[in-house]
Amino acid sequence: MSATEKRTFSLPPEHTAFIDAKVRSGSYASGSEVIRAGLRALQERDAIIERWLHEEVGAAYDAVKSGDEKTYPAGSIFEEIRACHAAAKRPVVKRGADE
């Protein structure tokens, strides 16, 4: 491992208990390893979110701004959802074979 810097952090009891349990289970050799793994996971998640924002959200925004993508007011979407939900809640009337 490259050079490391020491830091001191205060954690709530549930976090320290989680770290201690990971070390006790043998999954990690030390609390520092648990923290490093957590930070790597956070970095990966942040990178995924950034990639999504730039590649998908940015492209969708550009398409809307250029007029290539049709948009719908949120209010009308919710009205349509409510109407579908209300229709689905209506009781089903079964008709006999002789009707």
Protein backbone atom coordinates (compact mmCIF):
# COMPACT_ATOMS: atom_id res chain seq x y z
CA MET A 1 0.00 0.00 0.00
CA SER A 2 1.21 3.52 -0.69
CA ALA A 3 1.78 6.10 2.02
CA THR A 4 -1.10 6.54 4.41
CA GLU A 5 -2.23 9.44 6.54
CA LYS A 6 -3.67 9.00 9.98
CA ARG A 7 -7.05 10.56 10.66
CA THR A 8 -9.30 10.54 13.70
CA PHE A 9 -13.07 10.34 13.33
CA SER A 10 -15.96 10.15 15.73
CA LEU A 11 -18.57 7.53 14.87
CA PRO A 12 -21.91 6.64 16.41
CA PRO A 13 -22.09 3.34 18.30
CA GLU A 14 -23.92 1.51 15.49
CA HIS A 15 -21.07 2.26 13.07
CA THR A 16 -18.36 1.19 15.48
CA ALA A 17 -20.31 -1.99 16.24
CA PHE A 18 -20.58 -2.71 12.51
CA ILE A 19 -16.84 -2.22 12.02
CA ASP A 20 -16.03 -4.40 15.03
CA ALA A 21 -18.36 -7.15 13.77
CA LYS A 22 -16.68 -7.15 10.35
CA VAL A 23 -13.26 -7.53 12.00
CA ARG A 24 -14.49 -10.22 14.42
CA SER A 25 -16.00 -12.21 11.55
CA GLY A 26 -12.61 -12.36 9.88
CA SER A 27 -13.81 -10.54 6.78
CA TYR A 28 -11.31 -7.75 7.51
CA ALA A 29 -8.07 -7.70 9.45
CA SER A 30 -8.64 -4.26 10.97
CA GLY A 31 -11.06 -1.41 11.35
CA SER A 32 -8.97 0.57 8.89
CA GLU A 33 -9.57 -2.08 6.23
CA VAL A 34 -13.32 -1.85 6.81
CA ILE A 35 -13.21 1.93 6.42
CA ARG A 36 -11.07 1.70 3.27
CA ALA A 37 -13.50 -0.82 1.75
CA GLY A 38 -16.41 1.47 2.58
CA LEU A 39 -14.66 4.44 0.98
CA ARG A 40 -13.89 2.42 -2.16
CA ALA A 41 -17.57 1.45 -2.39
CA LEU A 42 -18.57 5.11 -1.96
CA GLN A 43 -16.12 6.15 -4.69
CA GLU A 44 -17.53 3.49 -7.04
CA ARG A 45 -21.10 4.59 -6.33
CA ASP A 46 -20.22 8.25 -6.90
CA ALA A 47 -18.48 7.37 -10.19
CA ILE A 48 -21.56 5.43 -11.36
CA ILE A 49 -23.83 8.35 -10.50
CA GLU A 50 -21.54 10.84 -12.25
CA ARG A 51 -21.39 8.63 -15.35
CA TRP A 52 -25.21 8.29 -15.34
CA LEU A 53 -25.65 12.05 -14.97
CA HIS A 54 -23.28 12.87 -17.82
CA GLU A 55 -24.25 10.10 -20.23
CA GLU A 56 -27.97 9.57 -19.68
CA VAL A 57 -29.41 12.55 -17.83
CA GLY A 58 -27.32 15.01 -19.82
CA ALA A 59 -28.33 13.42 -23.11
CA ALA A 60 -32.01 13.42 -22.12
CA TYR A 61 -31.79 17.07 -21.06
CA ASP A 62 -30.13 18.01 -24.35
CA ALA A 63 -32.83 16.14 -26.30
CA VAL A 64 -35.59 17.99 -24.45
CA LYS A 65 -33.90 21.36 -24.89
CA SER A 66 -33.42 20.77 -28.63
CA GLY A 67 -37.05 19.73 -29.06
CA ASP A 68 -36.14 16.17 -30.12
CA GLU A 69 -37.90 14.69 -27.08
CA LYS A 70 -41.55 15.29 -26.19
CA THR A 71 -42.31 16.25 -22.60
CA TYR A 72 -45.48 16.03 -20.56
CA PRO A 73 -46.56 18.19 -17.62
CA ALA A 74 -46.26 16.25 -14.36
CA GLY A 75 -49.81 17.23 -13.39
CA SER A 76 -51.31 15.56 -16.44
CA ILE A 77 -49.30 12.40 -15.84
CA PHE A 78 -50.52 12.19 -12.24
CA GLU A 79 -54.12 12.80 -13.37
CA GLU A 80 -53.81 9.90 -15.81
CA ILE A 81 -52.33 7.63 -13.13
CA ARG A 82 -55.10 8.54 -10.68
CA ALA A 83 -57.77 7.83 -13.31
CA CYS A 84 -56.25 4.42 -14.11
CA HIS A 85 -56.02 3.61 -10.42
CA ALA A 86 -59.64 4.65 -9.80
CA ALA A 87 -60.81 2.53 -12.74
CA ALA A 88 -58.88 -0.46 -11.44
CA LYS A 89 -60.52 -0.15 -8.00
CA ARG A 90 -64.06 -0.37 -9.39
CA PRO A 91 -65.77 -3.65 -8.55
CA VAL A 92 -66.03 -6.13 -11.36
CA VAL A 93 -69.63 -7.11 -12.13
CA LYS A 94 -69.90 -10.70 -13.27
CA ARG A 95 -72.81 -11.46 -15.54
CA GLY A 96 -74.52 -14.78 -15.69
CA ALA A 97 -74.54 -16.95 -18.79
CA ASP A 98 -78.28 -16.42 -19.17
CA GLU A 99 -78.05 -12.63 -19.61
